[in-house]
Amino acid sequence: MALIPSHYEAPWFLRNGHAHTVYPALRRKVREVDYVRERLELPDGDFLDLDWSRVGGSRTVVVSHGLEGSSQGGYVRGMVRAFNRRGWDAVAWNCRGGSGEPNRLVR
């Protein structure tokens, strides 16, 4: 994949990847999202929870959380809100066990 040239220069206090990860988690405040939850029942007897934020858009984006995350994570809510402001519906899906309710099946 080709790299796109960039003139971006990080602020002095965000010069490494660790700082870029930790700083937003400590400083960024993102308002709650009024999700509508949809539960997908899976063929193996378990489930996945999808949290929808609809604004009546003609396009939908799927937002995925990181390891051990959920649709309630600040970075996920921030992405959902950003897409909603631009007229996109958004669905934030939760990995098995990530929606606040444990899996039905022991694995």
PDB file of N, CA and C in Angstrom:
ATOM      1  N   MET A   1       0.848  -1.165   0.000  1.00  0.00           N
ATOM      2  CA  MET A   1       0.000   0.000   0.000  1.00  0.00           C
ATOM      3  C   MET A   1       0.896   1.231   0.000  1.00  0.00           C
ATOM      4  N   ALA A   2       0.575   2.187  -0.824  1.00  0.00           N
ATOM      5  CA  ALA A   2       1.360   3.416  -0.912  1.00  0.00           C
ATOM      6  C   ALA A   2       1.091   4.308   0.291  1.00  0.00           C
ATOM      7  N   LEU A   3       2.107   4.991   0.729  1.00  0.00           N
ATOM      8  CA  LEU A   3       1.965   5.947   1.823  1.00  0.00           C
ATOM      9  C   LEU A   3       1.630   7.312   1.262  1.00  0.00           C
ATOM     10  N   ILE A   4       0.756   8.009   1.951  1.00  0.00           N
ATOM     11  CA  ILE A   4       0.380   9.359   1.550  1.00  0.00           C
ATOM     12  C   ILE A   4       1.250  10.333   2.327  1.00  0.00           C
ATOM     13  N   PRO A   5       1.941  11.236   1.647  1.00  0.00           N
ATOM     14  CA  PRO A   5       2.780  12.199   2.367  1.00  0.00           C
ATOM     15  C   PRO A   5       1.931  13.067   3.292  1.00  0.00           C
ATOM     16  N   SER A   6       2.469  13.373   4.452  1.00  0.00           N
ATOM     17  CA  SER A   6       1.745  14.179   5.429  1.00  0.00           C
ATOM     18  C   SER A   6       2.676  15.218   6.032  1.00  0.00           C
ATOM     19  N   HIS A   7       2.112  16.370   6.319  1.00  0.00           N
ATOM     20  CA  HIS A   7       2.869  17.444   6.958  1.00  0.00           C
ATOM     21  C   HIS A   7       2.512  17.552   8.434  1.00  0.00           C
ATOM     22  N   TYR A   8       1.775  16.553   8.943  1.00  0.00           N
ATOM     23  CA  TYR A   8       1.369  16.552  10.348  1.00  0.00           C
ATOM     24  C   TYR A   8       2.588  16.427  11.252  1.00  0.00           C
ATOM     25  N   GLU A   9       2.601  17.245  12.294  1.00  0.00           N
ATOM     26  CA  GLU A   9       3.640  17.146  13.315  1.00  0.00           C
ATOM     27  C   GLU A   9       2.949  17.100  14.671  1.00  0.00           C
ATOM     28  N   ALA A  10       3.196  16.045  15.414  1.00  0.00           N
ATOM     29  CA  ALA A  10       2.550  15.858  16.718  1.00  0.00           C
ATOM     30  C   ALA A  10       3.010  16.928  17.696  1.00  0.00           C
ATOM     31  N   PRO A  11       2.134  17.330  18.630  1.00  0.00           N
ATOM     32  CA  PRO A  11       2.557  18.253  19.686  1.00  0.00           C
ATOM     33  C   PRO A  11       3.699  17.639  20.490  1.00  0.00           C
ATOM     34  N   TRP A  12       4.483  18.464  21.127  1.00  0.00           N
ATOM     35  CA  TRP A  12       5.673  17.997  21.846  1.00  0.00           C
ATOM     36  C   TRP A  12       5.350  16.949  22.899  1.00  0.00           C
ATOM     37  N   PHE A  13       4.166  17.022  23.522  1.00  0.00           N
ATOM     38  CA  PHE A  13       3.832  16.088  24.599  1.00  0.00           C
ATOM     39  C   PHE A  13       3.200  14.790  24.084  1.00  0.00           C
ATOM     40  N   LEU A  14       3.021  14.679  22.776  1.00  0.00           N
ATOM     41  CA  LEU A  14       2.455  13.461  22.180  1.00  0.00           C
ATOM     42  C   LEU A  14       3.405  12.885  21.130  1.00  0.00           C
ATOM     43  N   ARG A  15       4.649  12.750  21.476  1.00  0.00           N
ATOM     44  CA  ARG A  15       5.663  12.333  20.507  1.00  0.00           C
ATOM     45  C   ARG A  15       5.779  10.822  20.323  1.00  0.00           C
ATOM     46  N   ASN A  16       5.041  10.026  21.099  1.00  0.00           N
ATOM     47  CA  ASN A  16       5.142   8.577  20.903  1.00  0.00           C
ATOM     48  C   ASN A  16       3.757   7.932  20.957  1.00  0.00           C
ATOM     49  N   GLY A  17       3.701   6.692  20.540  1.00  0.00           N
ATOM     50  CA  GLY A  17       2.428   5.975  20.469  1.00  0.00           C
ATOM     51  C   GLY A  17       1.745   5.788  21.808  1.00  0.00           C
ATOM     52  N   HIS A  18       2.538   5.634  22.873  1.00  0.00           N
ATOM     53  CA  HIS A  18       1.949   5.470  24.202  1.00  0.00           C
ATOM     54  C   HIS A  18       1.176   6.727  24.599  1.00  0.00           C
ATOM     55  N   ALA A  19       1.782   7.882  24.392  1.00  0.00           N
ATOM     56  CA  ALA A  19       1.121   9.145  24.734  1.00  0.00           C
ATOM     57  C   ALA A  19      -0.135   9.341  23.895  1.00  0.00           C
ATOM     58  N   HIS A  20      -0.079   8.962  22.620  1.00  0.00           N
ATOM     59  CA  HIS A  20      -1.251   9.090  21.751  1.00  0.00           C
ATOM     60  C   HIS A  20      -2.395   8.198  22.218  1.00  0.00           C
ATOM     61  N   THR A  21      -2.083   7.096  22.866  1.00  0.00           N
ATOM     62  CA  THR A  21      -3.103   6.185  23.375  1.00  0.00           C
ATOM     63  C   THR A  21      -3.675   6.671  24.697  1.00  0.00           C
ATOM     64  N   VAL A  22      -2.821   7.076  25.615  1.00  0.00           N
ATOM     65  CA  VAL A  22      -3.236   7.412  26.973  1.00  0.00           C
ATOM     66  C   VAL A  22      -3.906   8.781  27.051  1.00  0.00           C
ATOM     67  N   TYR A  23      -3.380   9.769  26.371  1.00  0.00           N
ATOM     68  CA  TYR A  23      -3.882  11.145  26.493  1.00  0.00           C
ATOM     69  C   TYR A  23      -5.385  11.258  26.223  1.00  0.00           C
ATOM     70  N   PRO A  24      -5.896  10.746  25.093  1.00  0.00           N
ATOM     71  CA  PRO A  24      -7.337  10.879  24.864  1.00  0.00           C
ATOM     72  C   PRO A  24      -8.180  10.155  25.910  1.00  0.00           C
ATOM     73  N   ALA A  25      -7.694   9.019  26.387  1.00  0.00           N
ATOM     74  CA  ALA A  25      -8.454   8.271  27.393  1.00  0.00           C
ATOM     75  C   ALA A  25      -8.604   9.075  28.676  1.00  0.00           C
ATOM     76  N   LEU A  26      -7.627   9.901  28.982  1.00  0.00           N
ATOM     77  CA  LEU A  26      -7.669  10.701  30.208  1.00  0.00           C
ATOM     78  C   LEU A  26      -8.353  12.049  30.013  1.00  0.00           C
ATOM     79  N   ARG A  27      -8.227  12.640  28.852  1.00  0.00           N
ATOM     80  CA  ARG A  27      -8.667  14.020  28.644  1.00  0.00           C
ATOM     81  C   ARG A  27      -9.941  14.196  27.827  1.00  0.00           C
ATOM     82  N   ARG A  28     -10.256  13.250  26.966  1.00  0.00           N
ATOM     83  CA  ARG A  28     -11.385  13.423  26.056  1.00  0.00           C
ATOM     84  C   ARG A  28     -12.690  13.083  26.754  1.00  0.00           C
ATOM     85  N   LYS A  29     -13.643  13.976  26.655  1.00  0.00           N
ATOM     86  CA  LYS A  29     -14.975  13.759  27.215  1.00  0.00           C
ATOM     87  C   LYS A  29     -15.965  13.650  26.056  1.00  0.00           C
ATOM     88  N   VAL A  30     -16.603  12.498  25.946  1.00  0.00           N
ATOM     89  CA  VAL A  30     -17.571  12.262  24.874  1.00  0.00           C
ATOM     90  C   VAL A  30     -18.927  12.001  25.508  1.00  0.00           C
ATOM     91  N   ARG A  31     -19.940  12.728  25.034  1.00  0.00           N
ATOM     92  CA  ARG A  31     -21.290  12.536  25.568  1.00  0.00           C
ATOM     93  C   ARG A  31     -21.815  11.148  25.221  1.00  0.00           C
ATOM     94  N   GLU A  32     -22.808  10.732  25.982  1.00  0.00           N
ATOM     95  CA  GLU A  32     -23.437   9.425  25.752  1.00  0.00           C
ATOM     96  C   GLU A  32     -24.131   9.412  24.389  1.00  0.00           C
ATOM     97  N   VAL A  33     -24.332   8.238  23.864  1.00  0.00           N
ATOM     98  CA  VAL A  33     -25.067   8.034  22.616  1.00  0.00           C
ATOM     99  C   VAL A  33     -26.346   7.289  22.967  1.00  0.00           C
ATOM    100  N   ASP A  34     -27.466   7.729  22.411  1.00  0.00           N
ATOM    101  CA  ASP A  34     -28.744   7.046  22.639  1.00  0.00           C
ATOM    102  C   ASP A  34     -28.857   5.874  21.666  1.00  0.00           C
ATOM    103  N   TYR A  35     -28.280   4.758  22.066  1.00  0.00           N
ATOM    104  CA  TYR A  35     -28.300   3.566  21.222  1.00  0.00           C
ATOM    105  C   TYR A  35     -29.647   2.860  21.316  1.00  0.00           C
ATOM    106  N   VAL A  36     -29.997   2.184  20.237  1.00  0.00           N
ATOM    107  CA  VAL A  36     -31.102   1.231  20.226  1.00  0.00           C
ATOM    108  C   VAL A  36     -30.456  -0.133  20.011  1.00  0.00           C
ATOM    109  N   ARG A  37     -30.641  -1.028  20.966  1.00  0.00           N
ATOM    110  CA  ARG A  37     -29.959  -2.325  20.922  1.00  0.00           C
ATOM    111  C   ARG A  37     -30.766  -3.343  20.124  1.00  0.00           C
ATOM    112  N   GLU A  38     -30.053  -4.066  19.279  1.00  0.00           N
ATOM    113  CA  GLU A  38     -30.622  -5.181  18.520  1.00  0.00           C
ATOM    114  C   GLU A  38     -29.790  -6.417  18.854  1.00  0.00           C
ATOM    115  N   ARG A  39     -30.459  -7.481  19.220  1.00  0.00           N
ATOM    116  CA  ARG A  39     -29.759  -8.717  19.569  1.00  0.00           C
ATOM    117  C   ARG A  39     -29.862  -9.700  18.408  1.00  0.00           C
ATOM    118  N   LEU A  40     -28.719 -10.178  17.966  1.00  0.00           N
ATOM    119  CA  LEU A  40     -28.674 -11.217  16.943  1.00  0.00           C
ATOM    120  C   LEU A  40     -28.502 -12.562  17.624  1.00  0.00           C
ATOM    121  N   GLU A  41     -29.477 -13.428  17.453  1.00  0.00           N
ATOM    122  CA  GLU A  41     -29.379 -14.791  17.973  1.00  0.00           C
ATOM    123  C   GLU A  41     -28.585 -15.611  16.966  1.00  0.00           C
ATOM    124  N   LEU A  42     -27.544 -16.268  17.430  1.00  0.00           N
ATOM    125  CA  LEU A  42     -26.639 -16.993  16.551  1.00  0.00           C
ATOM    126  C   LEU A  42     -26.976 -18.478  16.496  1.00  0.00           C
ATOM    127  N   PRO A  43     -26.608 -19.147  15.408  1.00  0.00           N
ATOM    128  CA  PRO A  43     -26.936 -20.568  15.246  1.00  0.00           C
ATOM    129  C   PRO A  43     -26.373 -21.460  16.345  1.00  0.00           C
ATOM    130  N   ASP A  44     -25.297 -21.031  17.009  1.00  0.00           N
ATOM    131  CA  ASP A  44     -24.701 -21.874  18.055  1.00  0.00           C
ATOM    132  C   ASP A  44     -25.348 -21.667  19.422  1.00  0.00           C
ATOM    133  N   GLY A  45     -26.420 -20.846  19.483  1.00  0.00           N
ATOM    134  CA  GLY A  45     -27.126 -20.625  20.740  1.00  0.00           C
ATOM    135  C   GLY A  45     -26.660 -19.407  21.507  1.00  0.00           C
ATOM    136  N   ASP A  46     -25.640 -18.731  21.029  1.00  0.00           N
ATOM    137  CA  ASP A  46     -25.149 -17.522  21.687  1.00  0.00           C
ATOM    138  C   ASP A  46     -25.749 -16.300  20.987  1.00  0.00           C
ATOM    139  N   PHE A  47     -25.230 -15.116  21.252  1.00  0.00           N
ATOM    140  CA  PHE A  47     -25.791 -13.894  20.682  1.00  0.00           C
ATOM    141  C   PHE A  47     -24.712 -12.835  20.503  1.00  0.00           C
ATOM    142  N   LEU A  48     -25.027 -11.859  19.656  1.00  0.00           N
ATOM    143  CA  LEU A  48     -24.240 -10.635  19.517  1.00  0.00           C
ATOM    144  C   LEU A  48     -25.192  -9.467  19.687  1.00  0.00           C
ATOM    145  N   ASP A  49     -24.750  -8.421  20.373  1.00  0.00           N
ATOM    146  CA  ASP A  49     -25.562  -7.221  20.532  1.00  0.00           C
ATOM    147  C   ASP A  49     -25.035  -6.117  19.629  1.00  0.00           C
ATOM    148  N   LEU A  50     -25.945  -5.537  18.850  1.00  0.00           N
ATOM    149  CA  LEU A  50     -25.635  -4.412  17.979  1.00  0.00           C
ATOM    150  C   LEU A  50     -26.284  -3.175  18.574  1.00  0.00           C
ATOM    151  N   ASP A  51     -25.534  -2.097  18.719  1.00  0.00           N
ATOM    152  CA  ASP A  51     -26.070  -0.837  19.229  1.00  0.00           C
ATOM    153  C   ASP A  51     -26.137   0.159  18.080  1.00  0.00           C
ATOM    154  N   TRP A  52     -27.367   0.525  17.725  1.00  0.00           N
ATOM    155  CA  TRP A  52     -27.627   1.406  16.588  1.00  0.00           C
ATOM    156  C   TRP A  52     -27.803   2.844  17.037  1.00  0.00           C
ATOM    157  N   SER A  53     -27.287   3.760  16.242  1.00  0.00           N
ATOM    158  CA  SER A  53     -27.542   5.191  16.398  1.00  0.00           C
ATOM    159  C   SER A  53     -27.964   5.699  15.023  1.00  0.00           C
ATOM    160  N   ARG A  54     -29.261   5.910  14.873  1.00  0.00           N
ATOM    161  CA  ARG A  54     -29.806   6.272  13.562  1.00  0.00           C
ATOM    162  C   ARG A  54     -30.178   7.751  13.525  1.00  0.00           C
ATOM    163  N   VAL A  55     -29.814   8.383  12.422  1.00  0.00           N
ATOM    164  CA  VAL A  55     -30.182   9.782  12.204  1.00  0.00           C
ATOM    165  C   VAL A  55     -30.972   9.930  10.904  1.00  0.00           C
ATOM    166  N   GLY A  56     -31.394   8.796  10.337  1.00  0.00           N
ATOM    167  CA  GLY A  56     -32.159   8.826   9.092  1.00  0.00           C
ATOM    168  C   GLY A  56     -31.285   8.954   7.861  1.00  0.00           C
ATOM    169  N   GLY A  57     -30.039   8.556   7.988  1.00  0.00           N
ATOM    170  CA  GLY A  57     -29.112   8.653   6.865  1.00  0.00           C
ATOM    171  C   GLY A  57     -29.350   7.572   5.830  1.00  0.00           C
ATOM    172  N   SER A  58     -28.788   7.787   4.648  1.00  0.00           N
ATOM    173  CA  SER A  58     -28.893   6.790   3.582  1.00  0.00           C
ATOM    174  C   SER A  58     -27.694   5.848   3.586  1.00  0.00           C
ATOM    175  N   ARG A  59     -26.729   6.125   4.465  1.00  0.00           N
ATOM    176  CA  ARG A  59     -25.532   5.286   4.568  1.00  0.00           C
ATOM    177  C   ARG A  59     -25.350   4.857   6.019  1.00  0.00           C
ATOM    178  N   THR A  60     -24.728   3.697   6.189  1.00  0.00           N
ATOM    179  CA  THR A  60     -24.480   3.156   7.530  1.00  0.00           C
ATOM    180  C   THR A  60     -23.017   2.766   7.645  1.00  0.00           C
ATOM    181  N   VAL A  61     -22.425   3.102   8.778  1.00  0.00           N
ATOM    182  CA  VAL A  61     -21.049   2.708   9.068  1.00  0.00           C
ATOM    183  C   VAL A  61     -21.068   1.721  10.232  1.00  0.00           C
ATOM    184  N   VAL A  62     -20.198   0.714  10.173  1.00  0.00           N
ATOM    185  CA  VAL A  62     -20.034  -0.249  11.261  1.00  0.00           C
ATOM    186  C   VAL A  62     -18.790   0.157  12.041  1.00  0.00           C
ATOM    187  N   VAL A  63     -18.958   0.390  13.350  1.00  0.00           N
ATOM    188  CA  VAL A  63     -17.845   0.794  14.213  1.00  0.00           C
ATOM    189  C   VAL A  63     -17.484  -0.390  15.102  1.00  0.00           C
ATOM    190  N   SER A  64     -16.228  -0.779  15.070  1.00  0.00           N
ATOM    191  CA  SER A  64     -15.743  -1.912  15.866  1.00  0.00           C
ATOM    192  C   SER A  64     -14.877  -1.411  17.011  1.00  0.00           C
ATOM    193  N   HIS A  65     -15.075  -1.981  18.177  1.00  0.00           N
ATOM    194  CA  HIS A  65     -14.255  -1.615  19.331  1.00  0.00           C
ATOM    195  C   HIS A  65     -12.973  -2.426  19.339  1.00  0.00           C
ATOM    196  N   GLY A  66     -12.065  -2.048  20.216  1.00  0.00           N
ATOM    197  CA  GLY A  66     -10.802  -2.767  20.348  1.00  0.00           C
ATOM    198  C   GLY A  66     -10.918  -3.921  21.325  1.00  0.00           C
ATOM    199  N   LEU A  67      -9.798  -4.540  21.584  1.00  0.00           N
ATOM    200  CA  LEU A  67      -9.738  -5.678  22.489  1.00  0.00           C
ATOM    201  C   LEU A  67     -10.295  -5.307  23.861  1.00  0.00           C
ATOM    202  N   GLU A  68     -11.210  -6.106  24.368  1.00  0.00           N
ATOM    203  CA  GLU A  68     -11.853  -5.897  25.671  1.00  0.00           C
ATOM    204  C   GLU A  68     -12.699  -4.630  25.727  1.00  0.00           C
ATOM    205  N   GLY A  69     -13.009  -4.032  24.582  1.00  0.00           N
ATOM    206  CA  GLY A  69     -13.823  -2.825  24.547  1.00  0.00           C
ATOM    207  C   GLY A  69     -15.294  -3.142  24.375  1.00  0.00           C
ATOM    208  N   SER A  70     -16.071  -2.084  24.127  1.00  0.00           N
ATOM    209  CA  SER A  70     -17.504  -2.230  23.887  1.00  0.00           C
ATOM    210  C   SER A  70     -18.004  -0.990  23.163  1.00  0.00           C
ATOM    211  N   SER A  71     -19.285  -0.992  22.841  1.00  0.00           N
ATOM    212  CA  SER A  71     -19.890   0.164  22.186  1.00  0.00           C
ATOM    213  C   SER A  71     -19.948   1.373  23.110  1.00  0.00           C
ATOM    214  N   GLN A  72     -19.709   1.174  24.398  1.00  0.00           N
ATOM    215  CA  GLN A  72     -19.741   2.272  25.369  1.00  0.00           C
ATOM    216  C   GLN A  72     -18.392   2.970  25.518  1.00  0.00           C
ATOM    217  N   GLY A  73     -17.350   2.460  24.871  1.00  0.00           N
ATOM    218  CA  GLY A  73     -16.033   3.087  24.951  1.00  0.00           C
ATOM    219  C   GLY A  73     -16.070   4.501  24.392  1.00  0.00           C
ATOM    220  N   GLY A  74     -15.311   5.386  24.994  1.00  0.00           N
ATOM    221  CA  GLY A  74     -15.295   6.784  24.557  1.00  0.00           C
ATOM    222  C   GLY A  74     -14.909   6.946  23.101  1.00  0.00           C
ATOM    223  N   TYR A  75     -13.933   6.186  22.639  1.00  0.00           N
ATOM    224  CA  TYR A  75     -13.496   6.298  21.249  1.00  0.00           C
ATOM    225  C   TYR A  75     -14.567   5.790  20.295  1.00  0.00           C
ATOM    226  N   VAL A  76     -15.336   4.789  20.709  1.00  0.00           N
ATOM    227  CA  VAL A  76     -16.423   4.280  19.866  1.00  0.00           C
ATOM    228  C   VAL A  76     -17.550   5.307  19.820  1.00  0.00           C
ATOM    229  N   ARG A  77     -17.952   5.820  20.979  1.00  0.00           N
ATOM    230  CA  ARG A  77     -19.010   6.837  21.009  1.00  0.00           C
ATOM    231  C   ARG A  77     -18.600   8.070  20.204  1.00  0.00           C
ATOM    232  N   GLY A  78     -17.338   8.445  20.294  1.00  0.00           N
ATOM    233  CA  GLY A  78     -16.849   9.595  19.527  1.00  0.00           C
ATOM    234  C   GLY A  78     -16.979   9.377  18.030  1.00  0.00           C
ATOM    235  N   MET A  79     -16.632   8.175  17.561  1.00  0.00           N
ATOM    236  CA  MET A  79     -16.763   7.868  16.131  1.00  0.00           C
ATOM    237  C   MET A  79     -18.226   7.849  15.707  1.00  0.00           C
ATOM    238  N   VAL A  80     -19.073   7.233  16.532  1.00  0.00           N
ATOM    239  CA  VAL A  80     -20.506   7.182  16.223  1.00  0.00           C
ATOM    240  C   VAL A  80     -21.065   8.595  16.121  1.00  0.00           C
ATOM    241  N   ARG A  81     -20.750   9.445  17.083  1.00  0.00           N
ATOM    242  CA  ARG A  81     -21.261  10.819  17.068  1.00  0.00           C
ATOM    243  C   ARG A  81     -20.730  11.596  15.860  1.00  0.00           C
ATOM    244  N   ALA A  82     -19.459  11.388  15.511  1.00  0.00           N
ATOM    245  CA  ALA A  82     -18.875  12.083  14.355  1.00  0.00           C
ATOM    246  C   ALA A  82     -19.592  11.688  13.063  1.00  0.00           C
ATOM    247  N   PHE A  83     -19.861  10.401  12.887  1.00  0.00           N
ATOM    248  CA  PHE A  83     -20.579   9.964  11.690  1.00  0.00           C
ATOM    249  C   PHE A  83     -22.023  10.459  11.708  1.00  0.00           C
ATOM    250  N   ASN A  84     -22.674  10.433  12.875  1.00  0.00           N
ATOM    251  CA  ASN A  84     -24.046  10.940  12.973  1.00  0.00           C
ATOM    252  C   ASN A  84     -24.118  12.410  12.567  1.00  0.00           C
ATOM    253  N   ARG A  85     -23.154  13.204  12.999  1.00  0.00           N
ATOM    254  CA  ARG A  85     -23.139  14.636  12.645  1.00  0.00           C
ATOM    255  C   ARG A  85     -23.031  14.835  11.135  1.00  0.00           C
ATOM    256  N   ARG A  86     -22.450  13.884  10.454  1.00  0.00           N
ATOM    257  CA  ARG A  86     -22.288  13.978   9.000  1.00  0.00           C
ATOM    258  C   ARG A  86     -23.412  13.265   8.239  1.00  0.00           C
ATOM    259  N   GLY A  87     -24.453  12.875   8.970  1.00  0.00           N
ATOM    260  CA  GLY A  87     -25.629  12.296   8.327  1.00  0.00           C
ATOM    261  C   GLY A  87     -25.605  10.793   8.126  1.00  0.00           C
ATOM    262  N   TRP A  88     -24.656  10.107   8.734  1.00  0.00           N
ATOM    263  CA  TRP A  88     -24.564   8.653   8.617  1.00  0.00           C
ATOM    264  C   TRP A  88     -25.234   7.991   9.812  1.00  0.00           C
ATOM    265  N   ASP A  89     -25.961   6.903   9.562  1.00  0.00           N
ATOM    266  CA  ASP A  89     -26.368   6.025  10.652  1.00  0.00           C
ATOM    267  C   ASP A  89     -25.138   5.223  11.061  1.00  0.00           C
ATOM    268  N   ALA A  90     -25.125   4.752  12.299  1.00  0.00           N
ATOM    269  CA  ALA A  90     -23.973   3.981  12.774  1.00  0.00           C
ATOM    270  C   ALA A  90     -24.457   2.802  13.597  1.00  0.00           C
ATOM    271  N   VAL A  91     -23.729   1.705  13.482  1.00  0.00           N
ATOM    272  CA  VAL A  91     -23.973   0.549  14.336  1.00  0.00           C
ATOM    273  C   VAL A  91     -22.643   0.173  14.969  1.00  0.00           C
ATOM    274  N   ALA A  92     -22.645   0.111  16.291  1.00  0.00           N
ATOM    275  CA  ALA A  92     -21.464  -0.310  17.046  1.00  0.00           C
ATOM    276  C   ALA A  92     -21.763  -1.707  17.568  1.00  0.00           C
ATOM    277  N   TRP A  93     -21.015  -2.668  17.094  1.00  0.00           N
ATOM    278  CA  TRP A  93     -21.277  -4.050  17.495  1.00  0.00           C
ATOM    279  C   TRP A  93     -20.381  -4.420  18.658  1.00  0.00           C
ATOM    280  N   ASN A  94     -20.889  -5.294  19.478  1.00  0.00           N
ATOM    281  CA  ASN A  94     -20.160  -5.769  20.652  1.00  0.00           C
ATOM    282  C   ASN A  94     -19.748  -7.214  20.435  1.00  0.00           C
ATOM    283  N   CYS A  95     -18.467  -7.508  20.623  1.00  0.00           N
ATOM    284  CA  CYS A  95     -18.007  -8.901  20.565  1.00  0.00           C
ATOM    285  C   CYS A  95     -18.752  -9.705  21.625  1.00  0.00           C
ATOM    286  N   ARG A  96     -18.745 -11.000  21.483  1.00  0.00           N
ATOM    287  CA  ARG A  96     -19.420 -11.857  22.468  1.00  0.00           C
ATOM    288  C   ARG A  96     -18.941 -11.526  23.869  1.00  0.00           C
ATOM    289  N   GLY A  97     -19.885 -11.256  24.743  1.00  0.00           N
ATOM    290  CA  GLY A  97     -19.562 -10.936  26.129  1.00  0.00           C
ATOM    291  C   GLY A  97     -19.182  -9.486  26.348  1.00  0.00           C
ATOM    292  N   GLY A  98     -19.147  -8.671  25.304  1.00  0.00           N
ATOM    293  CA  GLY A  98     -18.721  -7.278  25.438  1.00  0.00           C
ATOM    294  C   GLY A  98     -19.835  -6.292  25.697  1.00  0.00           C
ATOM    295  N   SER A  99     -21.073  -6.744  25.701  1.00  0.00           N
ATOM    296  CA  SER A  99     -22.196  -5.814  25.834  1.00  0.00           C
ATOM    297  C   SER A  99     -22.692  -5.676  27.265  1.00  0.00           C
ATOM    298  N   GLY A 100     -21.963  -6.267  28.204  1.00  0.00           N
ATOM    299  CA  GLY A 100     -22.377  -6.177  29.598  1.00  0.00           C
ATOM    300  C   GLY A 100     -23.110  -7.412  30.078  1.00  0.00           C
ATOM    301  N   GLU A 101     -23.410  -8.306  29.171  1.00  0.00           N
ATOM    302  CA  GLU A 101     -24.064  -9.569  29.524  1.00  0.00           C
ATOM    303  C   GLU A 101     -23.161 -10.715  29.085  1.00  0.00           C
ATOM    304  N   PRO A 102     -22.867 -11.648  29.978  1.00  0.00           N
ATOM    305  CA  PRO A 102     -21.952 -12.734  29.610  1.00  0.00           C
ATOM    306  C   PRO A 102     -22.520 -13.636  28.519  1.00  0.00           C
ATOM    307  N   ASN A 103     -21.623 -14.297  27.830  1.00  0.00           N
ATOM    308  CA  ASN A 103     -22.035 -15.289  26.833  1.00  0.00           C
ATOM    309  C   ASN A 103     -22.893 -16.360  27.493  1.00  0.00           C
ATOM    310  N   ARG A 104     -23.759 -16.952  26.716  1.00  0.00           N
ATOM    311  CA  ARG A 104     -24.547 -18.076  27.225  1.00  0.00           C
ATOM    312  C   ARG A 104     -23.718 -19.351  27.256  1.00  0.00           C
ATOM    313  N   LEU A 105     -22.775 -19.453  26.347  1.00  0.00           N
ATOM    314  CA  LEU A 105     -21.999 -20.681  26.196  1.00  0.00           C
ATOM    315  C   LEU A 105     -20.613 -20.514  26.798  1.00  0.00           C
ATOM    316  N   VAL A 106     -20.179 -21.528  27.513  1.00  0.00           N
ATOM    317  CA  VAL A 106     -18.825 -21.534  28.061  1.00  0.00           C
ATOM    318  C   VAL A 106     -17.881 -21.976  26.956  1.00  0.00           C
ATOM    319  N   ARG A 107     -16.814 -21.226  26.754  1.00  0.00           N
ATOM    320  CA  ARG A 107     -15.841 -21.569  25.691  1.00  0.00           C
ATOM    321  C   ARG A 107     -14.452 -21.527  26.253  1.00  0.00           C
TER     322      ARG A 107
END
